[in-house]
C-alpha atoms as a PDB file:
ATOM      1  CA  MET A   1      13.110 -23.194 -32.075  1.00  0.00           C
ATOM      2  CA  PRO A   2      16.984 -24.003 -31.542  1.00  0.00           C
ATOM      3  CA  THR A   3      18.771 -20.903 -29.403  1.00  0.00           C
ATOM      4  CA  THR A   4      22.170 -19.475 -30.019  1.00  0.00           C
ATOM      5  CA  GLY A   5      23.787 -22.150 -27.815  1.00  0.00           C
ATOM      6  CA  GLU A   6      22.429 -25.196 -29.552  1.00  0.00           C
ATOM      7  CA  SER A   7      22.685 -25.659 -33.679  1.00  0.00           C
ATOM      8  CA  ALA A   8      20.670 -22.939 -34.770  1.00  0.00           C
ATOM      9  CA  THR A   9      21.607 -21.301 -38.356  1.00  0.00           C
ATOM     10  CA  LYS A  10      20.311 -18.007 -39.888  1.00  0.00           C
ATOM     11  CA  ALA A  11      18.312 -20.070 -41.771  1.00  0.00           C
ATOM     12  CA  ASP A  12      16.539 -21.377 -38.827  1.00  0.00           C
ATOM     13  CA  LEU A  13      15.894 -17.873 -37.579  1.00  0.00           C
ATOM     14  CA  ARG A  14      14.715 -16.707 -40.562  1.00  0.00           C
ATOM     15  CA  LEU A  15      12.138 -19.564 -41.253  1.00  0.00           C
ATOM     16  CA  HIS A  16      10.951 -19.263 -37.677  1.00  0.00           C
ATOM     17  CA  LEU A  17      10.264 -15.408 -38.033  1.00  0.00           C
ATOM     18  CA  HIS A  18       8.639 -16.309 -41.271  1.00  0.00           C
ATOM     19  CA  HIS A  19       6.344 -18.956 -39.717  1.00  0.00           C
ATOM     20  CA  LEU A  20       5.239 -16.639 -36.785  1.00  0.00           C
ATOM     21  CA  LEU A  21       4.233 -14.018 -39.067  1.00  0.00           C
ATOM     22  CA  ALA A  22       2.902 -16.333 -42.030  1.00  0.00           C
ATOM     23  CA  ALA A  23       0.730 -17.664 -39.655  1.00  0.00           C
ATOM     24  CA  ASP A  24      -1.289 -14.721 -38.800  1.00  0.00           C
ATOM     25  CA  PRO A  25      -4.102 -13.937 -41.229  1.00  0.00           C
ATOM     26  CA  LEU A  26      -3.560 -10.455 -40.529  1.00  0.00           C
ATOM     27  CA  PHE A  27      -0.880 -10.944 -43.130  1.00  0.00           C
ATOM     28  CA  THR A  28      -2.281 -12.384 -46.240  1.00  0.00           C
ATOM     29  CA  SER A  29      -4.034 -10.246 -48.837  1.00  0.00           C
ATOM     30  CA  GLU A  30      -7.561 -11.248 -50.270  1.00  0.00           C
ATOM     31  CA  GLU A  31      -7.297  -8.918 -53.353  1.00  0.00           C
ATOM     32  CA  VAL A  32      -5.166 -11.417 -55.114  1.00  0.00           C
ATOM     33  CA  PRO A  33      -6.070 -15.094 -56.217  1.00  0.00           C
ATOM     34  CA  ASP A  34      -4.440 -17.734 -54.051  1.00  0.00           C
ATOM     35  CA  SER A  35      -4.493 -15.551 -50.954  1.00  0.00           C
ATOM     36  CA  PHE A  36      -0.966 -14.239 -51.543  1.00  0.00           C
ATOM     37  CA  CYS A  37       1.007 -13.779 -48.468  1.00  0.00           C
ATOM     38  CA  VAL A  38       2.340 -10.662 -47.789  1.00  0.00           C
ATOM     39  CA  VAL A  39       5.440 -12.020 -45.586  1.00  0.00           C
ATOM     40  CA  ARG A  40       8.570 -13.056 -48.024  1.00  0.00           C
ATOM     41  CA  GLU A  41      11.719 -14.579 -47.273  1.00  0.00           C
ATOM     42  CA  GLU A  42      14.573 -13.661 -49.385  1.00  0.00           C
ATOM     43  CA  TYR A  43      13.134 -10.619 -51.164  1.00  0.00           C
ATOM     44  CA  ALA A  44      15.492  -8.974 -53.558  1.00  0.00           C
ATOM     45  CA  THR A  45      16.488  -5.598 -53.122  1.00  0.00           C
ATOM     46  CA  PRO A  46      15.275  -2.892 -55.969  1.00  0.00           C
ATOM     47  CA  PHE A  47      19.046  -2.150 -56.547  1.00  0.00           C
ATOM     48  CA  LYS A  48      22.059  -3.909 -57.856  1.00  0.00           C
ATOM     49  CA  ARG A  49      25.105  -3.326 -55.504  1.00  0.00           C
ATOM     50  CA  HIS A  50      28.663  -3.893 -54.944  1.00  0.00           C
ATOM     51  CA  MET A  51      29.704  -6.167 -51.871  1.00  0.00           C
ATOM     52  CA  GLY A  52      33.362  -5.819 -51.769  1.00  0.00           C
ATOM     53  CA  ASP A  53      33.421  -2.980 -49.415  1.00  0.00           C
ATOM     54  CA  LEU A  54      31.506  -1.845 -46.224  1.00  0.00           C
ATOM     55  CA  ARG A  55      30.029   1.130 -47.697  1.00  0.00           C
ATOM     56  CA  PHE A  56      27.884  -0.820 -49.876  1.00  0.00           C
ATOM     57  CA  LYS A  57      27.844   0.888 -53.342  1.00  0.00           C
ATOM     58  CA  VAL A  58      24.752   0.856 -55.387  1.00  0.00           C
ATOM     59  CA  LEU A  59      25.239   0.268 -58.888  1.00  0.00           C
ATOM     60  CA  ASP A  60      23.555   1.258 -62.254  1.00  0.00           C
ATOM     61  CA  ASP A  61      20.635  -0.672 -63.317  1.00  0.00           C
ATOM     62  CA  HIS A  62      22.444  -1.944 -66.339  1.00  0.00           C
ATOM     63  CA  ALA A  63      25.775  -2.500 -64.715  1.00  0.00           C
ATOM     64  CA  LEU A  64      27.163  -5.980 -64.397  1.00  0.00           C
ATOM     65  CA  GLY A  65      26.094  -6.628 -60.896  1.00  0.00           C
ATOM     66  CA  ALA A  66      23.671  -8.553 -59.142  1.00  0.00           C
ATOM     67  CA  ARG A  67      20.781  -7.662 -56.511  1.00  0.00           C
ATOM     68  CA  ARG A  68      20.976  -9.327 -53.183  1.00  0.00           C
ATOM     69  CA  ASP A  69      18.109 -10.087 -51.090  1.00  0.00           C
ATOM     70  CA  TYR A  70      16.574  -9.088 -47.410  1.00  0.00           C
ATOM     71  CA  ASP A  71      15.909 -11.923 -45.367  1.00  0.00           C
ATOM     72  CA  LEU A  72      12.345 -11.240 -44.664  1.00  0.00           C
ATOM     73  CA  VAL A  73       9.971  -8.425 -45.705  1.00  0.00           C
ATOM     74  CA  VAL A  74       6.299  -7.488 -45.301  1.00  0.00           C
ATOM     75  CA  LEU A  75       4.767  -6.300 -48.189  1.00  0.00           C
ATOM     76  CA  ASN A  76       2.139  -3.313 -48.460  1.00  0.00           C
ATOM     77  CA  PRO A  77      -1.270  -4.824 -48.978  1.00  0.00           C
ATOM     78  CA  SER A  78      -1.977  -1.561 -50.755  1.00  0.00           C
ATOM     79  CA  TRP A  79       0.407  -2.352 -53.750  1.00  0.00           C
ATOM     80  CA  MET A  80      -1.512  -5.671 -54.565  1.00  0.00           C
ATOM     81  CA  GLU A  81      -3.979  -3.616 -56.832  1.00  0.00           C
ATOM     82  CA  ARG A  82      -1.017  -1.366 -57.892  1.00  0.00           C
ATOM     83  CA  ALA A  83       0.884  -4.003 -59.933  1.00  0.00           C
ATOM     84  CA  PRO A  84       1.121  -7.489 -61.405  1.00  0.00           C
ATOM     85  CA  VAL A  85       1.650 -10.435 -58.893  1.00  0.00           C
ATOM     86  CA  GLU A  86       4.761 -10.956 -61.391  1.00  0.00           C
ATOM     87  CA  ALA A  87       6.247  -8.095 -59.817  1.00  0.00           C
ATOM     88  CA  LEU A  88       5.738  -8.319 -56.341  1.00  0.00           C
ATOM     89  CA  GLN A  89       7.902 -11.509 -56.416  1.00  0.00           C
ATOM     90  CA  LYS A  90      11.328 -12.143 -56.823  1.00  0.00           C
ATOM     91  CA  GLY A  91      11.311 -12.495 -60.471  1.00  0.00           C
ATOM     92  CA  ASP A  92      12.618 -10.551 -63.139  1.00  0.00           C
ATOM     93  CA  PHE A  93      14.644  -7.184 -62.297  1.00  0.00           C
ATOM     94  CA  GLU A  94      13.359  -5.514 -65.384  1.00  0.00           C
ATOM     95  CA  VAL A  95       9.761  -6.618 -64.422  1.00  0.00           C
ATOM     96  CA  PHE A  96      10.048  -5.124 -60.801  1.00  0.00           C
ATOM     97  CA  ARG A  97      12.025  -2.043 -62.166  1.00  0.00           C
ATOM     98  CA  LEU A  98       9.606  -0.995 -65.048  1.00  0.00           C
ATOM     99  CA  ASP A  99       6.029  -2.168 -63.474  1.00  0.00           C
ATOM    100  CA  ILE A 100       6.768  -0.919 -59.680  1.00  0.00           C
ATOM    101  CA  ARG A 101       9.906   1.336 -59.041  1.00  0.00           C
ATOM    102  CA  ASP A 102      10.281   3.272 -61.914  1.00  0.00           C
ATOM    103  CA  LYS A 103       6.602   4.184 -62.017  1.00  0.00           C
ATOM    104  CA  ALA A 104       6.635   5.119 -58.230  1.00  0.00           C
ATOM    105  CA  GLN A 105       6.282   8.589 -57.004  1.00  0.00           C
ATOM    106  CA  GLU A 106       7.516  10.551 -53.954  1.00  0.00           C
ATOM    107  CA  ASP A 107       4.070  10.235 -51.985  1.00  0.00           C
ATOM    108  CA  ASP A 108       3.262   6.833 -53.041  1.00  0.00           C
ATOM    109  CA  PRO A 109       3.189   4.337 -50.029  1.00  0.00           C
ATOM    110  CA  PRO A 110       6.235   2.081 -49.518  1.00  0.00           C
ATOM    111  CA  LEU A 111       6.269  -1.231 -51.250  1.00  0.00           C
ATOM    112  CA  CYS A 112       7.801  -2.981 -48.124  1.00  0.00           C
ATOM    113  CA  LEU A 113       6.314  -1.791 -44.599  1.00  0.00           C
ATOM    114  CA  VAL A 114       8.930  -3.980 -42.903  1.00  0.00           C
ATOM    115  CA  GLY A 115      12.513  -5.189 -43.889  1.00  0.00           C
ATOM    116  CA  ILE A 116      14.449  -7.308 -41.464  1.00  0.00           C
ATOM    117  CA  GLU A 117      17.800  -8.527 -41.641  1.00  0.00           C
ATOM    118  CA  THR A 118      19.215 -11.376 -38.938  1.00  0.00           C
ATOM    119  CA  HIS A 119      22.532 -12.481 -38.360  1.00  0.00           C
ATOM    120  CA  LEU A 120      23.807 -15.185 -35.685  1.00  0.00           C
ATOM    121  CA  VAL A 121      27.139 -14.928 -33.820  1.00  0.00           C
ATOM    122  CA  ARG A 122      27.799 -17.847 -32.388  1.00  0.00           C
ATOM    123  CA  THR A 123      31.554 -17.512 -30.476  1.00  0.00           C
ATOM    124  CA  GLU A 124      32.732 -15.223 -27.627  1.00  0.00           C
ATOM    125  CA  ARG A 125      35.235 -13.689 -29.404  1.00  0.00           C
ATOM    126  CA  PRO A 126      33.744 -12.902 -33.039  1.00  0.00           C
ATOM    127  CA  ARG A 127      35.620 -12.693 -36.268  1.00  0.00           C
ATOM    128  CA  LYS A 128      36.177  -9.090 -37.539  1.00  0.00           C
ATOM    129  CA  ALA A 129      34.345 -10.495 -40.715  1.00  0.00           C
ATOM    130  CA  GLY A 130      31.022 -11.474 -38.722  1.00  0.00           C
ATOM    131  CA  TYR A 131      30.543  -7.679 -37.652  1.00  0.00           C
ATOM    132  CA  ASP A 132      31.619  -6.909 -41.240  1.00  0.00           C
ATOM    133  CA  ALA A 133      28.820  -8.778 -42.430  1.00  0.00           C
ATOM    134  CA  VAL A 134      26.583  -6.963 -40.162  1.00  0.00           C
ATOM    135  CA  LEU A 135      27.636  -3.682 -41.350  1.00  0.00           C
ATOM    136  CA  ARG A 136      27.167  -4.493 -45.029  1.00  0.00           C
ATOM    137  CA  ASP A 137      23.690  -5.728 -44.662  1.00  0.00           C
ATOM    138  CA  TYR A 138      22.901  -2.471 -42.082  1.00  0.00           C
ATOM    139  CA  CYS A 139      24.059  -0.334 -44.715  1.00  0.00           C
ATOM    140  CA  LYS A 140      21.853  -2.092 -47.127  1.00  0.00           C
ATOM    141  CA  LEU A 141      18.845  -1.565 -44.954  1.00  0.00           C
ATOM    142  CA  LEU A 142      19.405   2.172 -44.756  1.00  0.00           C
ATOM    143  CA  LEU A 143      20.041   2.419 -48.157  1.00  0.00           C
ATOM    144  CA  SER A 144      16.489   0.825 -48.783  1.00  0.00           C
ATOM    145  CA  GLY A 145      14.492   3.904 -47.247  1.00  0.00           C
ATOM    146  CA  GLN A 146      14.247   6.490 -49.920  1.00  0.00           C
ATOM    147  CA  LEU A 147      15.609   5.577 -53.452  1.00  0.00           C
ATOM    148  CA  SER A 148      17.143   7.747 -55.658  1.00  0.00           C
ATOM    149  CA  ASN A 149      13.871   8.676 -57.421  1.00  0.00           C
ATOM    150  CA  GLY A 150      12.397  10.045 -54.027  1.00  0.00           C
ATOM    151  CA  TRP A 151      10.167   7.452 -53.293  1.00  0.00           C
ATOM    152  CA  ARG A 152      10.185   5.486 -49.913  1.00  0.00           C
ATOM    153  CA  PHE A 153      10.956   1.876 -50.950  1.00  0.00           C
ATOM    154  CA  MET A 154      10.998   0.223 -47.277  1.00  0.00           C
ATOM    155  CA  ASP A 155       9.869   1.783 -44.197  1.00  0.00           C
ATOM    156  CA  GLN A 156      10.546  -0.117 -40.897  1.00  0.00           C
ATOM    157  CA  ARG A 157      14.088  -1.625 -40.993  1.00  0.00           C
ATOM    158  CA  TYR A 158      15.264  -3.990 -37.920  1.00  0.00           C
ATOM    159  CA  MET A 159      19.034  -5.430 -37.853  1.00  0.00           C
ATOM    160  CA  LEU A 160      18.622  -8.503 -35.570  1.00  0.00           C
ATOM    161  CA  VAL A 161      21.916  -9.866 -34.250  1.00  0.00           C
ATOM    162  CA  TYR A 162      21.125 -13.022 -32.322  1.00  0.00           C
ATOM    163  CA  SER A 163      24.767 -13.290 -30.114  1.00  0.00           C
ATOM    164  CA  GLN A 164      25.934 -16.395 -27.996  1.00  0.00           C
ATOM    165  CA  HIS A 165      28.728 -13.852 -25.852  1.00  0.00           C
ATOM    166  CA  SER A 166      27.233 -11.820 -23.319  1.00  0.00           C
ATOM    167  CA  GLN A 167      27.421  -8.472 -25.288  1.00  0.00           C
ATOM    168  CA  PRO A 168      28.918  -7.252 -28.370  1.00  0.00           C
ATOM    169  CA  HIS A 169      32.378  -5.690 -28.095  1.00  0.00           C
ATOM    170  CA  GLU A 170      32.029  -1.952 -27.512  1.00  0.00           C
ATOM    171  CA  ALA A 171      34.017  -0.204 -30.211  1.00  0.00           C
ATOM    172  CA  LYS A 172      32.313  -2.802 -33.017  1.00  0.00           C
ATOM    173  CA  TRP A 173      29.027  -1.923 -31.371  1.00  0.00           C
ATOM    174  CA  ARG A 174      29.065   1.641 -31.364  1.00  0.00           C
ATOM    175  CA  GLU A 175      30.548   1.288 -35.315  1.00  0.00           C
ATOM    176  CA  LEU A 176      27.653  -0.935 -35.898  1.00  0.00           C
ATOM    177  CA  VAL A 177      24.601   1.216 -34.856  1.00  0.00           C
ATOM    178  CA  GLN A 178      26.536   4.696 -36.037  1.00  0.00           C
ATOM    179  CA  ALA A 179      26.684   2.930 -39.588  1.00  0.00           C
ATOM    180  CA  ALA A 180      24.864   6.138 -40.850  1.00  0.00           C
ATOM    181  CA  TRP A 181      28.160   7.899 -41.320  1.00  0.00           C
ATOM    182  CA  GLU A 182      27.699   7.852 -44.896  1.00  0.00           C
ATOM    183  CA  ARG A 183      25.874  11.120 -45.075  1.00  0.00           C
ATOM    184  CA  ASP A 184      23.331  10.562 -48.058  1.00  0.00           C
ATOM    185  CA  VAL A 185      21.810   7.792 -45.660  1.00  0.00           C
ATOM    186  CA  ASP A 186      18.583   8.561 -43.776  1.00  0.00           C
ATOM    187  CA  PRO A 187      18.960   6.290 -40.779  1.00  0.00           C
ATOM    188  CA  LYS A 188      15.049   7.165 -40.278  1.00  0.00           C
ATOM    189  CA  ASN A 189      13.069   4.099 -39.281  1.00  0.00           C
ATOM    190  CA  ALA A 190      16.111   1.488 -38.825  1.00  0.00           C
ATOM    191  CA  TRP A 191      16.960  -0.094 -35.601  1.00  0.00           C
ATOM    192  CA  VAL A 192      19.645  -2.722 -34.564  1.00  0.00           C
ATOM    193  CA  ALA A 193      18.428  -5.163 -32.128  1.00  0.00           C
ATOM    194  CA  TRP A 194      21.476  -7.334 -30.326  1.00  0.00           C
ATOM    195  CA  ILE A 195      20.057 -10.229 -28.450  1.00  0.00           C
ATOM    196  CA  SER A 196      22.295 -11.997 -26.182  1.00  0.00           C
ATOM    197  CA  PRO A 197      22.218 -13.900 -22.910  1.00  0.00           C
ATOM    198  CA  ARG A 198      21.765 -10.363 -20.915  1.00  0.00           C
ATOM    199  CA  GLY A 199      19.284  -9.170 -22.985  1.00  0.00           C
ATOM    200  CA  ILE A 200      18.257  -7.256 -25.887  1.00  0.00           C
ATOM    201  CA  ARG A 201      19.953  -3.642 -26.503  1.00  0.00           C
ATOM    202  CA  TRP A 202      18.265  -1.513 -28.897  1.00  0.00           C
ATOM    203  CA  SER A 203      20.355   1.485 -30.614  1.00  0.00           C
ATOM    204  CA  GLY A 204      18.340   4.607 -31.162  1.00  0.00           C
END
């Protein structure tokens, strides 16, 4: 895989992570025909959202908005017998909502065991827009934990930032790791990893 100093793209990073996980038999469920792989790229969120500001506003199900995608998720195999395969795949929002989300109870297991967002910061002096994009996707992960019906949709959540410069600007780093300033967001099981030439720096 290309390094951040070469010609890697965010899609390269996502594809590499997907290949590493999907190649392991541990992540393939035999409970459904054709050996359904529980590692999924660009998996749709369980809600629609407005993407015009950093606070990531979740919209009503019938609002004129769009769902967004997680770069990578690992689905919970226990859901293979609980829901149609069509509802587990990216597919139609109404199918997912009616067959999975709206039927889920608070004590049901999460649908996604792991959710991952990736970002590639190429420049030594990253633009503000790059940090804003990281913040938006981190907020998306935070809001993907416990949904409004009390069901925990996603358990372990990781934001992986691959950086070409030595370390994140301190003010921006603090802003990123404190993104749970939205008081109704539960930051439990959500982490940020900043991978740079000086090593890996974790939040929490």
